[in-house]
C-alpha atoms as a PDB file:
ATOM      1  CA  MET A   1      -2.943 -11.827  23.747  1.00  0.00           C
ATOM      2  CA  ILE A   2      -5.120  -8.741  23.410  1.00  0.00           C
ATOM      3  CA  SER A   3      -8.805  -8.282  24.089  1.00  0.00           C
ATOM      4  CA  VAL A   4     -11.008  -7.615  21.055  1.00  0.00           C
ATOM      5  CA  THR A   5     -12.083  -4.372  22.764  1.00  0.00           C
ATOM      6  CA  ASP A   6      -8.471  -3.153  22.327  1.00  0.00           C
ATOM      7  CA  LEU A   7      -8.555  -3.556  18.522  1.00  0.00           C
ATOM      8  CA  ARG A   8      -7.828  -0.410  16.524  1.00  0.00           C
ATOM      9  CA  ASN A   9      -7.352   0.305  12.806  1.00  0.00           C
ATOM     10  CA  GLY A  10      -4.001  -1.169  11.778  1.00  0.00           C
ATOM     11  CA  THR A  11      -3.753  -3.684  14.641  1.00  0.00           C
ATOM     12  CA  LYS A  12      -2.245  -6.922  13.371  1.00  0.00           C
ATOM     13  CA  VAL A  13      -3.344 -10.260  14.840  1.00  0.00           C
ATOM     14  CA  GLN A  14      -3.060 -13.968  14.228  1.00  0.00           C
ATOM     15  CA  MET A  15      -6.353 -15.875  13.956  1.00  0.00           C
ATOM     16  CA  ASP A  16      -7.770 -18.820  12.030  1.00  0.00           C
ATOM     17  CA  GLY A  17      -4.239 -19.878  11.058  1.00  0.00           C
ATOM     18  CA  GLY A  18      -3.512 -16.626   9.212  1.00  0.00           C
ATOM     19  CA  LEU A  19      -2.154 -13.128   9.725  1.00  0.00           C
ATOM     20  CA  TRP A  20      -4.765 -10.352   9.685  1.00  0.00           C
ATOM     21  CA  GLU A  21      -4.870  -6.536   9.886  1.00  0.00           C
ATOM     22  CA  CYS A  22      -7.863  -4.735  11.415  1.00  0.00           C
ATOM     23  CA  LEU A  23      -9.365  -2.285   8.915  1.00  0.00           C
ATOM     24  CA  ASP A  24     -12.435  -1.210  10.864  1.00  0.00           C
ATOM     25  CA  TYR A  25     -14.035  -1.921  14.214  1.00  0.00           C
ATOM     26  CA  SER A  26     -17.082  -0.832  16.181  1.00  0.00           C
ATOM     27  CA  HIS A  27     -18.165  -1.598  19.719  1.00  0.00           C
ATOM     28  CA  LEU A  28     -21.888  -2.416  20.028  1.00  0.00           C
ATOM     29  CA  LYS A  29     -23.585  -2.491  23.414  1.00  0.00           C
ATOM     30  CA  MET A  30     -26.806  -4.479  23.275  1.00  0.00           C
ATOM     31  CA  GLY A  31     -29.728  -3.609  25.555  1.00  0.00           C
ATOM     32  CA  ARG A  32     -29.948  -6.938  27.360  1.00  0.00           C
ATOM     33  CA  GLY A  33     -27.082  -9.052  26.102  1.00  0.00           C
ATOM     34  CA  GLY A  34     -23.356  -8.545  26.340  1.00  0.00           C
ATOM     35  CA  ALA A  35     -21.373  -6.167  24.196  1.00  0.00           C
ATOM     36  CA  LYS A  36     -20.197  -7.179  20.723  1.00  0.00           C
ATOM     37  CA  VAL A  37     -17.271  -5.987  18.649  1.00  0.00           C
ATOM     38  CA  VAL A  38     -17.927  -5.892  14.893  1.00  0.00           C
ATOM     39  CA  THR A  39     -14.703  -5.855  12.856  1.00  0.00           C
ATOM     40  CA  LYS A  40     -13.393  -5.940   9.300  1.00  0.00           C
ATOM     41  CA  PHE A  41     -10.062  -7.708   8.714  1.00  0.00           C
ATOM     42  CA  ARG A  42      -7.734  -7.988   5.694  1.00  0.00           C
ATOM     43  CA  ASN A  43      -5.623 -11.107   5.318  1.00  0.00           C
ATOM     44  CA  LEU A  44      -1.997  -9.953   5.065  1.00  0.00           C
ATOM     45  CA  GLU A  45      -1.005 -12.946   2.936  1.00  0.00           C
ATOM     46  CA  THR A  46      -3.853 -13.119   0.401  1.00  0.00           C
ATOM     47  CA  GLY A  47      -5.446  -9.659   0.600  1.00  0.00           C
ATOM     48  CA  SER A  48      -8.959 -11.042   1.168  1.00  0.00           C
ATOM     49  CA  ILE A  49     -11.298  -9.077   3.440  1.00  0.00           C
ATOM     50  CA  VAL A  50     -13.705 -10.600   5.988  1.00  0.00           C
ATOM     51  CA  ASP A  51     -16.210  -9.248   8.514  1.00  0.00           C
ATOM     52  CA  ARG A  52     -16.134 -10.835  11.974  1.00  0.00           C
ATOM     53  CA  THR A  53     -18.214 -10.329  15.119  1.00  0.00           C
ATOM     54  CA  PHE A  54     -16.712 -11.131  18.527  1.00  0.00           C
ATOM     55  CA  ASN A  55     -18.053 -11.204  22.083  1.00  0.00           C
ATOM     56  CA  SER A  56     -16.353  -8.473  24.108  1.00  0.00           C
ATOM     57  CA  THR A  57     -14.641 -11.077  26.323  1.00  0.00           C
ATOM     58  CA  GLU A  58     -12.763 -12.835  23.493  1.00  0.00           C
ATOM     59  CA  LYS A  59      -9.005 -12.482  23.034  1.00  0.00           C
ATOM     60  CA  LEU A  60      -6.781 -12.598  19.942  1.00  0.00           C
ATOM     61  CA  GLN A  61      -3.058 -13.261  19.484  1.00  0.00           C
ATOM     62  CA  ASP A  62      -1.333 -10.006  18.525  1.00  0.00           C
ATOM     63  CA  ILE A  63       1.781 -10.151  16.340  1.00  0.00           C
ATOM     64  CA  PHE A  64       4.842  -7.961  15.996  1.00  0.00           C
ATOM     65  CA  VAL A  65       5.430  -6.765  12.448  1.00  0.00           C
ATOM     66  CA  GLU A  66       8.724  -5.020  11.703  1.00  0.00           C
ATOM     67  CA  THR A  67       9.642  -3.001   8.633  1.00  0.00           C
ATOM     68  CA  LYS A  68      12.867  -3.462   6.691  1.00  0.00           C
ATOM     69  CA  PRO A  69      14.323  -0.977   4.228  1.00  0.00           C
ATOM     70  CA  MET A  70      14.657  -2.587   0.797  1.00  0.00           C
ATOM     71  CA  GLN A  71      15.543  -1.397  -2.691  1.00  0.00           C
ATOM     72  CA  TYR A  72      13.473  -2.369  -5.725  1.00  0.00           C
ATOM     73  CA  LEU A  73      15.779  -3.844  -8.380  1.00  0.00           C
ATOM     74  CA  TYR A  74      13.688  -5.178 -11.284  1.00  0.00           C
ATOM     75  CA  LYS A  75      10.675  -7.249 -12.286  1.00  0.00           C
ATOM     76  CA  ASP A  76      11.389 -10.926 -12.919  1.00  0.00           C
ATOM     77  CA  GLY A  77       8.417 -12.340 -14.802  1.00  0.00           C
ATOM     78  CA  GLU A  78       5.508 -11.728 -12.422  1.00  0.00           C
ATOM     79  CA  ASP A  79       7.651 -11.340  -9.271  1.00  0.00           C
ATOM     80  CA  PHE A  80       9.421  -8.235  -8.009  1.00  0.00           C
ATOM     81  CA  MET A  81      13.090  -8.448  -7.000  1.00  0.00           C
ATOM     82  CA  PHE A  82      14.192  -6.468  -3.944  1.00  0.00           C
ATOM     83  CA  MET A  83      17.520  -6.113  -2.150  1.00  0.00           C
ATOM     84  CA  ASP A  84      17.714  -5.950   1.635  1.00  0.00           C
ATOM     85  CA  MET A  85      19.600  -2.717   2.390  1.00  0.00           C
ATOM     86  CA  GLU A  86      21.228  -4.197   5.524  1.00  0.00           C
ATOM     87  CA  THR A  87      22.321  -7.668   4.396  1.00  0.00           C
ATOM     88  CA  PHE A  88      22.333  -7.088   0.590  1.00  0.00           C
ATOM     89  CA  ASP A  89      20.370 -10.331   0.097  1.00  0.00           C
ATOM     90  CA  GLN A  90      18.047 -10.408  -2.915  1.00  0.00           C
ATOM     91  CA  VAL A  91      14.423 -11.364  -2.243  1.00  0.00           C
ATOM     92  CA  SER A  92      11.710 -12.218  -4.765  1.00  0.00           C
ATOM     93  CA  LEU A  93       8.241 -10.984  -3.763  1.00  0.00           C
ATOM     94  CA  PRO A  94       4.968 -11.947  -5.492  1.00  0.00           C
ATOM     95  CA  PRO A  95       2.700  -9.263  -7.028  1.00  0.00           C
ATOM     96  CA  VAL A  96       0.040  -9.874  -4.331  1.00  0.00           C
ATOM     97  CA  LEU A  97       2.309  -8.160  -1.777  1.00  0.00           C
ATOM     98  CA  ALA A  98       2.751  -5.101  -3.955  1.00  0.00           C
ATOM     99  CA  GLY A  99      -0.943  -4.552  -4.665  1.00  0.00           C
ATOM    100  CA  ASP A 100      -1.565  -1.012  -5.935  1.00  0.00           C
ATOM    101  CA  ALA A 101       2.010  -0.035  -5.059  1.00  0.00           C
ATOM    102  CA  ALA A 102       3.281  -1.958  -8.114  1.00  0.00           C
ATOM    103  CA  LYS A 103       2.265   0.820 -10.508  1.00  0.00           C
ATOM    104  CA  PHE A 104       4.464   3.350  -8.675  1.00  0.00           C
ATOM    105  CA  LEU A 105       7.600   1.179  -8.401  1.00  0.00           C
ATOM    106  CA  LYS A 106      10.713   2.451 -10.151  1.00  0.00           C
ATOM    107  CA  GLU A 107      14.091   0.722 -10.346  1.00  0.00           C
ATOM    108  CA  GLN A 108      16.480   1.701  -7.530  1.00  0.00           C
ATOM    109  CA  MET A 109      13.555   3.034  -5.414  1.00  0.00           C
ATOM    110  CA  GLU A 110      13.858   2.483  -1.669  1.00  0.00           C
ATOM    111  CA  VAL A 111      10.726   1.131   0.038  1.00  0.00           C
ATOM    112  CA  GLU A 112       9.759  -0.381   3.382  1.00  0.00           C
ATOM    113  CA  VAL A 113       8.713  -4.042   3.483  1.00  0.00           C
ATOM    114  CA  SER A 114       6.594  -5.227   6.429  1.00  0.00           C
ATOM    115  CA  MET A 115       7.968  -8.503   7.758  1.00  0.00           C
ATOM    116  CA  PHE A 116       6.624 -11.095  10.214  1.00  0.00           C
ATOM    117  CA  GLY A 117       9.636 -13.191  11.125  1.00  0.00           C
ATOM    118  CA  GLU A 118      11.227 -13.982   7.761  1.00  0.00           C
ATOM    119  CA  LYS A 119       7.976 -13.687   5.821  1.00  0.00           C
ATOM    120  CA  ALA A 120       7.279 -10.530   3.778  1.00  0.00           C
ATOM    121  CA  LEU A 121       3.726  -9.213   4.168  1.00  0.00           C
ATOM    122  CA  LYS A 122       3.392  -5.869   2.406  1.00  0.00           C
ATOM    123  CA  ILE A 123       5.348  -3.277   0.412  1.00  0.00           C
ATOM    124  CA  VAL A 124       5.026   0.254   1.799  1.00  0.00           C
ATOM    125  CA  LEU A 125       5.968   3.077  -0.603  1.00  0.00           C
ATOM    126  CA  PRO A 126       7.060   6.562   0.409  1.00  0.00           C
ATOM    127  CA  ASN A 127       4.124   9.019   0.420  1.00  0.00           C
ATOM    128  CA  GLN A 128       5.517  10.874  -2.604  1.00  0.00           C
ATOM    129  CA  VAL A 129       7.512   9.566  -5.559  1.00  0.00           C
ATOM    130  CA  ILE A 130       9.046  11.200  -8.617  1.00  0.00           C
ATOM    131  CA  LEU A 131       8.263   9.418 -11.896  1.00  0.00           C
ATOM    132  CA  LYS A 132       8.690  10.259 -15.578  1.00  0.00           C
ATOM    133  CA  ILE A 133       5.705  10.617 -17.908  1.00  0.00           C
ATOM    134  CA  VAL A 134       6.078   8.095 -20.749  1.00  0.00           C
ATOM    135  CA  GLU A 135       2.843   8.822 -22.620  1.00  0.00           C
ATOM    136  CA  THR A 136       0.505  11.826 -22.745  1.00  0.00           C
ATOM    137  CA  ALA A 137      -1.034  14.195 -25.251  1.00  0.00           C
ATOM    138  CA  PRO A 138       1.299  17.037 -26.246  1.00  0.00           C
ATOM    139  CA  GLY A 139       0.914  20.442 -24.614  1.00  0.00           C
ATOM    140  CA  VAL A 140      -0.499  23.222 -26.787  1.00  0.00           C
ATOM    141  CA  ARG A 141       0.335  26.922 -26.732  1.00  0.00           C
ATOM    142  CA  GLY A 142      -2.068  28.689 -24.402  1.00  0.00           C
ATOM    143  CA  ASP A 143      -2.419  25.800 -21.926  1.00  0.00           C
ATOM    144  CA  THR A 144      -2.236  27.322 -18.458  1.00  0.00           C
ATOM    145  CA  VAL A 145      -1.664  26.204 -14.915  1.00  0.00           C
ATOM    146  CA  SER A 146      -5.259  26.906 -13.885  1.00  0.00           C
ATOM    147  CA  GLY A 147      -6.762  25.045 -16.851  1.00  0.00           C
ATOM    148  CA  GLY A 148      -8.003  21.477 -17.077  1.00  0.00           C
ATOM    149  CA  THR A 149      -6.231  18.151 -16.860  1.00  0.00           C
ATOM    150  CA  LYS A 150      -5.322  15.310 -19.184  1.00  0.00           C
ATOM    151  CA  PRO A 151      -4.386  11.648 -18.542  1.00  0.00           C
ATOM    152  CA  ALA A 152      -0.712  10.703 -18.437  1.00  0.00           C
ATOM    153  CA  ARG A 153       0.896   7.252 -18.165  1.00  0.00           C
ATOM    154  CA  LEU A 154       3.899   7.112 -15.805  1.00  0.00           C
ATOM    155  CA  GLU A 155       6.950   4.860 -16.131  1.00  0.00           C
ATOM    156  CA  GLY A 156       5.618   2.424 -13.506  1.00  0.00           C
ATOM    157  CA  GLY A 157       2.325   2.035 -15.358  1.00  0.00           C
ATOM    158  CA  ALA A 158       0.135   4.344 -13.260  1.00  0.00           C
ATOM    159  CA  LEU A 159      -2.395   6.577 -14.992  1.00  0.00           C
ATOM    160  CA  VAL A 160      -2.500  10.072 -13.443  1.00  0.00           C
ATOM    161  CA  GLN A 161      -4.384  13.255 -14.321  1.00  0.00           C
ATOM    162  CA  VAL A 162      -1.874  16.076 -14.962  1.00  0.00           C
ATOM    163  CA  PRO A 163      -2.305  19.746 -15.980  1.00  0.00           C
ATOM    164  CA  LEU A 164      -2.485  20.497 -19.712  1.00  0.00           C
ATOM    165  CA  PHE A 165       0.938  22.201 -19.815  1.00  0.00           C
ATOM    166  CA  VAL A 166       2.865  19.079 -18.660  1.00  0.00           C
ATOM    167  CA  ASP A 167       4.568  17.282 -21.561  1.00  0.00           C
ATOM    168  CA  GLN A 168       5.889  13.795 -22.178  1.00  0.00           C
ATOM    169  CA  ASP A 169       9.307  12.935 -20.618  1.00  0.00           C
ATOM    170  CA  THR A 170       8.660  15.402 -17.757  1.00  0.00           C
ATOM    171  CA  GLU A 171       9.312  14.151 -14.234  1.00  0.00           C
ATOM    172  CA  VAL A 172       6.362  14.689 -11.888  1.00  0.00           C
ATOM    173  CA  LYS A 173       5.801  14.244  -8.162  1.00  0.00           C
ATOM    174  CA  VAL A 174       2.871  11.933  -7.345  1.00  0.00           C
ATOM    175  CA  ASP A 175       1.143  11.075  -4.048  1.00  0.00           C
ATOM    176  CA  THR A 176       1.215   7.255  -3.794  1.00  0.00           C
ATOM    177  CA  ARG A 177      -1.686   7.109  -1.314  1.00  0.00           C
ATOM    178  CA  THR A 178      -4.190   8.843  -3.611  1.00  0.00           C
ATOM    179  CA  GLY A 179      -2.511   8.596  -7.033  1.00  0.00           C
ATOM    180  CA  GLU A 180      -2.794  12.355  -7.564  1.00  0.00           C
ATOM    181  CA  TYR A 181      -0.374  14.667  -9.376  1.00  0.00           C
ATOM    182  CA  LEU A 182       1.343  17.075  -6.943  1.00  0.00           C
ATOM    183  CA  SER A 183       3.845  19.072  -9.016  1.00  0.00           C
ATOM    184  CA  ARG A 184       6.621  18.907 -11.590  1.00  0.00           C
ATOM    185  CA  ALA A 185       9.877  17.619 -10.173  1.00  0.00           C
END
């Protein structure tokens, strides 16, 4: 059990029969009354976000979340198939767990999967991935590095702004946290 005054961004707790991650918190000291802790939580199973206010004396059940290395194999209908790199077991994960990471997934890519017991909670991509451009406008003579940008669709489905000189079928390095083009691979 942890006190609500010990909550920080990223702290994972169990409350109301679900698993939650703290996204934001603030400690409010009232003039006459006791202190309050105003928080914002994301449900790790459904992705919903709620605001909660606690008295500073309340306690929550903290949970231990471990990460397992897994390899993305393929998409099976709506679900994503992963292989546990330690046991070689194949696991099917729903698209809710992938969230925005789904558009950067590439077959044979190694990712981290946050687990609570045997239950998968979230797919964590590496900060940078290398993906091939499958659709973009062709480059034209005279396009320079310091010029503008154009939209490009990557093999995972992400839409990224790339420099004008980058052509289709070029592999590019992309930041998965912001979705920005970094460089050619």
